Amino acid sequence: MNDKQRIENFNRIREQLESQGYSSEQCTISIVKANVMALVTAGPLAILCLVLFFYINNTGEIEFSIMGLLFFYVLILISVFVHEVLHGLTWSLSCEKGWKSIHLGVMWKKLTPYCSCMEPLSFEKYLSGGLMPFIVLGLGIFLASIITNSIFLLALSMFNIIAAGGDLTIALMLLKHKNALIIDHPTECGFWAFSEE
């Protein structure tokens, strides 16, 4: 589905909801600001996890090799893809049309992958899909790093926690729309909130 089709889909849903008495509010953030905010929201969490790891384990050997570095780079690329799929899978469970309502793509001008849900969801369902990569790839891999005392997994979890910083920023923006229906903005980073008047 291209930008034009996503915009048409969004406009159709917006007209339908507004005809039912909903008011709409656009809540977006630029990609640049989202990346800066990622450090503000996720940075302290990453540092906390780092401190916690070394407090619990007291050790951790760092082994450097070209193959290890290459493997880490491959896992980073895979986790970027899995990050977006986790958004989509979680949201699709709440969509009437399931996975057909999910669009994965890349904003090539900004080299930013994205996942977009084409149906309005409740605050709770949208939030759960928004935070799933942080929970699974960030906190999940961090927990695995503590259990295995793996610096390698710790580094991978740190990347994924920071990568979810934009999602954490969106989650904070969502908090003032707890009673609204939420739908992804068709072309920007963020969402539209539809509230009953």
C-alpha atoms as a PDB file:
ATOM      1  CA  MET A   1       0.000   0.000   0.000  1.00  0.00           C
ATOM      2  CA  ASN A   2       1.499   3.337  -1.026  1.00  0.00           C
ATOM      3  CA  ASP A   3       1.209   6.752   0.657  1.00  0.00           C
ATOM      4  CA  LYS A   4      -1.783   7.763  -1.455  1.00  0.00           C
ATOM      5  CA  GLN A   5      -3.720   4.626  -0.524  1.00  0.00           C
ATOM      6  CA  ARG A   6      -2.888   5.022   3.177  1.00  0.00           C
ATOM      7  CA  ILE A   7      -4.043   8.650   3.069  1.00  0.00           C
ATOM      8  CA  GLU A   8      -7.286   7.637   1.331  1.00  0.00           C
ATOM      9  CA  ASN A   9      -7.863   4.888   3.908  1.00  0.00           C
ATOM     10  CA  PHE A  10      -7.221   7.316   6.765  1.00  0.00           C
ATOM     11  CA  ASN A  11      -9.522  10.012   5.287  1.00  0.00           C
ATOM     12  CA  ARG A  12     -12.325   7.463   4.921  1.00  0.00           C
ATOM     13  CA  ILE A  13     -11.987   6.385   8.565  1.00  0.00           C
ATOM     14  CA  ARG A  14     -11.700   9.990   9.738  1.00  0.00           C
ATOM     15  CA  GLU A  15     -14.880  11.027   7.908  1.00  0.00           C
ATOM     16  CA  GLN A  16     -16.716   8.021   9.323  1.00  0.00           C
ATOM     17  CA  LEU A  17     -15.650   8.692  12.909  1.00  0.00           C
ATOM     18  CA  GLU A  18     -16.304  12.433  12.693  1.00  0.00           C
ATOM     19  CA  SER A  19     -19.781  11.718  11.300  1.00  0.00           C
ATOM     20  CA  GLN A  20     -20.357   9.645  14.462  1.00  0.00           C
ATOM     21  CA  GLY A  21     -19.495  12.639  16.643  1.00  0.00           C
ATOM     22  CA  TYR A  22     -15.796  12.062  17.273  1.00  0.00           C
ATOM     23  CA  SER A  23     -13.380  14.974  17.333  1.00  0.00           C
ATOM     24  CA  SER A  24      -9.863  14.411  16.027  1.00  0.00           C
ATOM     25  CA  GLU A  25      -6.437  15.560  17.136  1.00  0.00           C
ATOM     26  CA  GLN A  26      -3.194  15.066  15.245  1.00  0.00           C
ATOM     27  CA  CYS A  27      -0.252  14.001  17.429  1.00  0.00           C
ATOM     28  CA  THR A  28       2.973  13.793  15.440  1.00  0.00           C
ATOM     29  CA  ILE A  29       6.674  14.303  15.932  1.00  0.00           C
ATOM     30  CA  SER A  30       9.451  14.769  13.396  1.00  0.00           C
ATOM     31  CA  ILE A  31      11.853  11.875  12.817  1.00  0.00           C
ATOM     32  CA  VAL A  32      14.736  14.083  14.003  1.00  0.00           C
ATOM     33  CA  LYS A  33      12.937  15.028  17.228  1.00  0.00           C
ATOM     34  CA  ALA A  34      11.885  11.393  17.766  1.00  0.00           C
ATOM     35  CA  ASN A  35      15.533  10.332  17.517  1.00  0.00           C
ATOM     36  CA  VAL A  36      16.608  13.029  19.987  1.00  0.00           C
ATOM     37  CA  MET A  37      13.773  12.108  22.337  1.00  0.00           C
ATOM     38  CA  ALA A  38      14.823   8.449  22.061  1.00  0.00           C
ATOM     39  CA  LEU A  39      17.946   9.360  24.025  1.00  0.00           C
ATOM     40  CA  VAL A  40      15.890  11.308  26.568  1.00  0.00           C
ATOM     41  CA  THR A  41      13.294   8.568  27.147  1.00  0.00           C
ATOM     42  CA  ALA A  42      15.304   5.386  26.573  1.00  0.00           C
ATOM     43  CA  GLY A  43      18.795   6.614  27.473  1.00  0.00           C
ATOM     44  CA  PRO A  44      18.229   6.620  31.246  1.00  0.00           C
ATOM     45  CA  LEU A  45      16.591   3.173  31.036  1.00  0.00           C
ATOM     46  CA  ALA A  46      19.574   1.809  29.106  1.00  0.00           C
ATOM     47  CA  ILE A  47      21.982   3.233  31.720  1.00  0.00           C
ATOM     48  CA  LEU A  48      19.876   1.768  34.532  1.00  0.00           C
ATOM     49  CA  CYS A  49      19.961  -1.665  32.862  1.00  0.00           C
ATOM     50  CA  LEU A  50      23.720  -1.363  32.375  1.00  0.00           C
ATOM     51  CA  VAL A  51      24.275  -0.564  36.048  1.00  0.00           C
ATOM     52  CA  LEU A  52      21.905  -3.353  37.100  1.00  0.00           C
ATOM     53  CA  PHE A  53      23.713  -5.886  34.897  1.00  0.00           C
ATOM     54  CA  PHE A  54      27.101  -5.207  36.482  1.00  0.00           C
ATOM     55  CA  TYR A  55      25.616  -4.950  39.980  1.00  0.00           C
ATOM     56  CA  ILE A  56      24.065  -8.423  39.644  1.00  0.00           C
ATOM     57  CA  ASN A  57      26.891 -10.138  37.776  1.00  0.00           C
ATOM     58  CA  ASN A  58      29.980  -8.217  38.937  1.00  0.00           C
ATOM     59  CA  THR A  59      31.773  -9.717  35.956  1.00  0.00           C
ATOM     60  CA  GLY A  60      31.456 -10.094  32.264  1.00  0.00           C
ATOM     61  CA  GLU A  61      34.173 -10.792  29.807  1.00  0.00           C
ATOM     62  CA  ILE A  62      34.486  -8.794  26.631  1.00  0.00           C
ATOM     63  CA  GLU A  63      35.823 -10.825  23.761  1.00  0.00           C
ATOM     64  CA  PHE A  64      36.513  -9.006  20.526  1.00  0.00           C
ATOM     65  CA  SER A  65      36.684 -10.672  17.142  1.00  0.00           C
ATOM     66  CA  ILE A  66      35.872  -9.624  13.608  1.00  0.00           C
ATOM     67  CA  MET A  67      33.410 -12.527  13.281  1.00  0.00           C
ATOM     68  CA  GLY A  68      31.754 -11.576  16.564  1.00  0.00           C
ATOM     69  CA  LEU A  69      31.423  -7.967  15.420  1.00  0.00           C
ATOM     70  CA  LEU A  70      29.982  -9.075  12.080  1.00  0.00           C
ATOM     71  CA  PHE A  71      27.515 -11.382  13.844  1.00  0.00           C
ATOM     72  CA  PHE A  72      26.485  -8.526  16.143  1.00  0.00           C
ATOM     73  CA  TYR A  73      25.924  -6.267  13.117  1.00  0.00           C
ATOM     74  CA  VAL A  74      23.751  -8.937  11.461  1.00  0.00           C
ATOM     75  CA  LEU A  75      21.699  -9.298  14.661  1.00  0.00           C
ATOM     76  CA  ILE A  76      21.226  -5.519  14.759  1.00  0.00           C
ATOM     77  CA  LEU A  77      19.837  -5.561  11.210  1.00  0.00           C
ATOM     78  CA  ILE A  78      17.566  -8.499  12.021  1.00  0.00           C
ATOM     79  CA  SER A  79      16.330  -6.824  15.202  1.00  0.00           C
ATOM     80  CA  VAL A  80      15.377  -3.674  13.259  1.00  0.00           C
ATOM     81  CA  PHE A  81      13.112  -5.817  11.071  1.00  0.00           C
ATOM     82  CA  VAL A  82      11.774  -7.850  14.016  1.00  0.00           C
ATOM     83  CA  HIS A  83      11.062  -4.582  15.879  1.00  0.00           C
ATOM     84  CA  GLU A  84       8.604  -3.478  13.183  1.00  0.00           C
ATOM     85  CA  VAL A  85       7.080  -6.963  12.843  1.00  0.00           C
ATOM     86  CA  LEU A  86       6.400  -7.047  16.607  1.00  0.00           C
ATOM     87  CA  HIS A  87       4.418  -3.804  16.291  1.00  0.00           C
ATOM     88  CA  GLY A  88       2.431  -5.286  13.440  1.00  0.00           C
ATOM     89  CA  LEU A  89       1.790  -8.702  14.967  1.00  0.00           C
ATOM     90  CA  THR A  90       0.539  -7.198  18.218  1.00  0.00           C
ATOM     91  CA  TRP A  91      -1.726  -4.674  16.494  1.00  0.00           C
ATOM     92  CA  SER A  92      -3.011  -7.245  13.993  1.00  0.00           C
ATOM     93  CA  LEU A  93      -4.447  -9.335  16.846  1.00  0.00           C
ATOM     94  CA  SER A  94      -6.849  -6.443  17.572  1.00  0.00           C
ATOM     95  CA  CYS A  95      -7.687  -5.548  13.951  1.00  0.00           C
ATOM     96  CA  GLU A  96     -10.855  -6.724  12.243  1.00  0.00           C
ATOM     97  CA  LYS A  97      -8.863  -7.470   9.096  1.00  0.00           C
ATOM     98  CA  GLY A  98      -5.874  -8.871  10.987  1.00  0.00           C
ATOM     99  CA  TRP A  99      -2.518  -8.624   9.216  1.00  0.00           C
ATOM    100  CA  LYS A 100      -4.209  -7.054   6.153  1.00  0.00           C
ATOM    101  CA  SER A 101      -4.506  -3.852   8.216  1.00  0.00           C
ATOM    102  CA  ILE A 102      -0.754  -3.706   8.838  1.00  0.00           C
ATOM    103  CA  HIS A 103       1.707  -1.974   6.515  1.00  0.00           C
ATOM    104  CA  LEU A 104       5.475  -2.354   6.808  1.00  0.00           C
ATOM    105  CA  GLY A 105       7.779  -0.060   4.886  1.00  0.00           C
ATOM    106  CA  VAL A 106      10.767   2.244   4.864  1.00  0.00           C
ATOM    107  CA  MET A 107      10.848   6.041   4.675  1.00  0.00           C
ATOM    108  CA  TRP A 108      13.746   5.999   2.222  1.00  0.00           C
ATOM    109  CA  LYS A 109      14.486   9.729   2.419  1.00  0.00           C
ATOM    110  CA  LYS A 110      15.042   9.345   6.161  1.00  0.00           C
ATOM    111  CA  LEU A 111      16.263   5.717   6.094  1.00  0.00           C
ATOM    112  CA  THR A 112      13.643   4.883   8.708  1.00  0.00           C
ATOM    113  CA  PRO A 113      11.698   1.603   8.749  1.00  0.00           C
ATOM    114  CA  TYR A 114       8.133   1.783  10.020  1.00  0.00           C
ATOM    115  CA  CYS A 115       5.016  -0.218  10.758  1.00  0.00           C
ATOM    116  CA  SER A 116       1.605   1.346  10.326  1.00  0.00           C
ATOM    117  CA  CYS A 117      -1.773   0.091  11.544  1.00  0.00           C
ATOM    118  CA  MET A 118      -4.608   1.017   9.199  1.00  0.00           C
ATOM    119  CA  GLU A 119      -7.462   0.568  11.714  1.00  0.00           C
ATOM    120  CA  PRO A 120      -8.352   2.607  14.791  1.00  0.00           C
ATOM    121  CA  LEU A 121      -7.534   0.848  18.066  1.00  0.00           C
ATOM    122  CA  SER A 122      -8.294   1.531  21.714  1.00  0.00           C
ATOM    123  CA  PHE A 123      -5.625   3.244  23.797  1.00  0.00           C
ATOM    124  CA  GLU A 124      -4.645  -0.032  25.499  1.00  0.00           C
ATOM    125  CA  LYS A 125      -4.358  -2.042  22.274  1.00  0.00           C
ATOM    126  CA  TYR A 126      -2.421   0.650  20.436  1.00  0.00           C
ATOM    127  CA  LEU A 127      -0.101   1.142  23.413  1.00  0.00           C
ATOM    128  CA  SER A 128       0.600  -2.585  23.745  1.00  0.00           C
ATOM    129  CA  GLY A 129       1.606  -2.800  20.077  1.00  0.00           C
ATOM    130  CA  GLY A 130       3.689   0.323  20.407  1.00  0.00           C
ATOM    131  CA  LEU A 131       5.644  -1.004  23.389  1.00  0.00           C
ATOM    132  CA  MET A 132       6.017  -4.651  22.338  1.00  0.00           C
ATOM    133  CA  PRO A 133       9.487  -4.236  20.711  1.00  0.00           C
ATOM    134  CA  PHE A 134      10.753  -2.494  23.867  1.00  0.00           C
ATOM    135  CA  ILE A 135       9.402  -5.309  26.037  1.00  0.00           C
ATOM    136  CA  VAL A 136      10.567  -8.246  23.888  1.00  0.00           C
ATOM    137  CA  LEU A 137      13.784  -7.007  22.264  1.00  0.00           C
ATOM    138  CA  GLY A 138      14.868  -4.503  24.900  1.00  0.00           C
ATOM    139  CA  LEU A 139      13.865  -5.909  28.276  1.00  0.00           C
ATOM    140  CA  GLY A 140      13.626  -9.526  27.112  1.00  0.00           C
ATOM    141  CA  ILE A 141      17.174  -9.648  25.745  1.00  0.00           C
ATOM    142  CA  PHE A 142      18.372  -7.700  28.800  1.00  0.00           C
ATOM    143  CA  LEU A 143      16.910 -10.368  31.081  1.00  0.00           C
ATOM    144  CA  ALA A 144      18.647 -13.036  28.966  1.00  0.00           C
ATOM    145  CA  SER A 145      21.936 -11.119  29.326  1.00  0.00           C
ATOM    146  CA  ILE A 146      21.641 -11.174  33.120  1.00  0.00           C
ATOM    147  CA  ILE A 147      20.798 -14.887  33.210  1.00  0.00           C
ATOM    148  CA  THR A 148      23.672 -15.810  30.890  1.00  0.00           C
ATOM    149  CA  ASN A 149      26.101 -13.099  32.087  1.00  0.00           C
ATOM    150  CA  SER A 150      26.573 -12.162  28.422  1.00  0.00           C
ATOM    151  CA  ILE A 151      28.091  -8.802  27.494  1.00  0.00           C
ATOM    152  CA  PHE A 152      27.140  -9.605  23.889  1.00  0.00           C
ATOM    153  CA  LEU A 153      23.432  -9.869  24.777  1.00  0.00           C
ATOM    154  CA  LEU A 154      23.733  -6.811  27.022  1.00  0.00           C
ATOM    155  CA  ALA A 155      25.010  -4.749  24.080  1.00  0.00           C
ATOM    156  CA  LEU A 156      22.212  -6.084  21.863  1.00  0.00           C
ATOM    157  CA  SER A 157      19.616  -5.195  24.501  1.00  0.00           C
ATOM    158  CA  MET A 158      21.076  -1.690  24.882  1.00  0.00           C
ATOM    159  CA  PHE A 159      20.708  -1.142  21.134  1.00  0.00           C
ATOM    160  CA  ASN A 160      17.095  -2.336  21.220  1.00  0.00           C
ATOM    161  CA  ILE A 161      16.195  -0.242  24.256  1.00  0.00           C
ATOM    162  CA  ILE A 162      17.536   2.886  22.533  1.00  0.00           C
ATOM    163  CA  ALA A 163      15.859   1.831  19.251  1.00  0.00           C
ATOM    164  CA  ALA A 164      12.536   1.754  21.113  1.00  0.00           C
ATOM    165  CA  GLY A 165      13.043   5.310  22.378  1.00  0.00           C
ATOM    166  CA  GLY A 166      10.807   6.745  19.666  1.00  0.00           C
ATOM    167  CA  ASP A 167       8.098   4.271  20.694  1.00  0.00           C
ATOM    168  CA  LEU A 168       8.478   5.352  24.320  1.00  0.00           C
ATOM    169  CA  THR A 169       8.088   8.976  23.219  1.00  0.00           C
ATOM    170  CA  ILE A 170       4.892   8.096  21.329  1.00  0.00           C
ATOM    171  CA  ALA A 171       3.678   6.212  24.428  1.00  0.00           C
ATOM    172  CA  LEU A 172       4.141   9.362  26.509  1.00  0.00           C
ATOM    173  CA  MET A 173       2.189  11.350  23.907  1.00  0.00           C
ATOM    174  CA  LEU A 174      -0.585   8.732  24.123  1.00  0.00           C
ATOM    175  CA  LEU A 175      -1.109   9.188  27.857  1.00  0.00           C
ATOM    176  CA  LYS A 176      -3.407  12.190  27.417  1.00  0.00           C
ATOM    177  CA  HIS A 177      -5.648  10.183  25.061  1.00  0.00           C
ATOM    178  CA  LYS A 178      -6.598   7.229  27.288  1.00  0.00           C
ATOM    179  CA  ASN A 179     -10.259   7.330  26.247  1.00  0.00           C
ATOM    180  CA  ALA A 180      -9.674   7.883  22.546  1.00  0.00           C
ATOM    181  CA  LEU A 181      -9.530   5.669  19.491  1.00  0.00           C
ATOM    182  CA  ILE A 182      -6.028   5.802  18.049  1.00  0.00           C
ATOM    183  CA  ILE A 183      -4.958   5.358  14.445  1.00  0.00           C
ATOM    184  CA  ASP A 184      -1.491   5.735  12.983  1.00  0.00           C
ATOM    185  CA  HIS A 185      -0.831   8.887  11.024  1.00  0.00           C
ATOM    186  CA  PRO A 186      -0.751   7.774   7.369  1.00  0.00           C
ATOM    187  CA  THR A 187       2.540   9.505   6.489  1.00  0.00           C
ATOM    188  CA  GLU A 188       4.151  10.962   9.632  1.00  0.00           C
ATOM    189  CA  CYS A 189       5.644   9.655  12.855  1.00  0.00           C
ATOM    190  CA  GLY A 190       2.743   9.653  15.304  1.00  0.00           C
ATOM    191  CA  PHE A 191      -0.995   9.144  15.389  1.00  0.00           C
ATOM    192  CA  TRP A 192      -4.444  10.691  15.300  1.00  0.00           C
ATOM    193  CA  ALA A 193      -6.634  10.490  18.422  1.00  0.00           C
ATOM    194  CA  PHE A 194     -10.422  10.395  18.011  1.00  0.00           C
ATOM    195  CA  SER A 195     -12.444  11.313  21.093  1.00  0.00           C
ATOM    196  CA  GLU A 196     -16.184  11.326  21.605  1.00  0.00           C
ATOM    197  CA  GLU A 197     -17.441  14.845  22.192  1.00  0.00           C
END
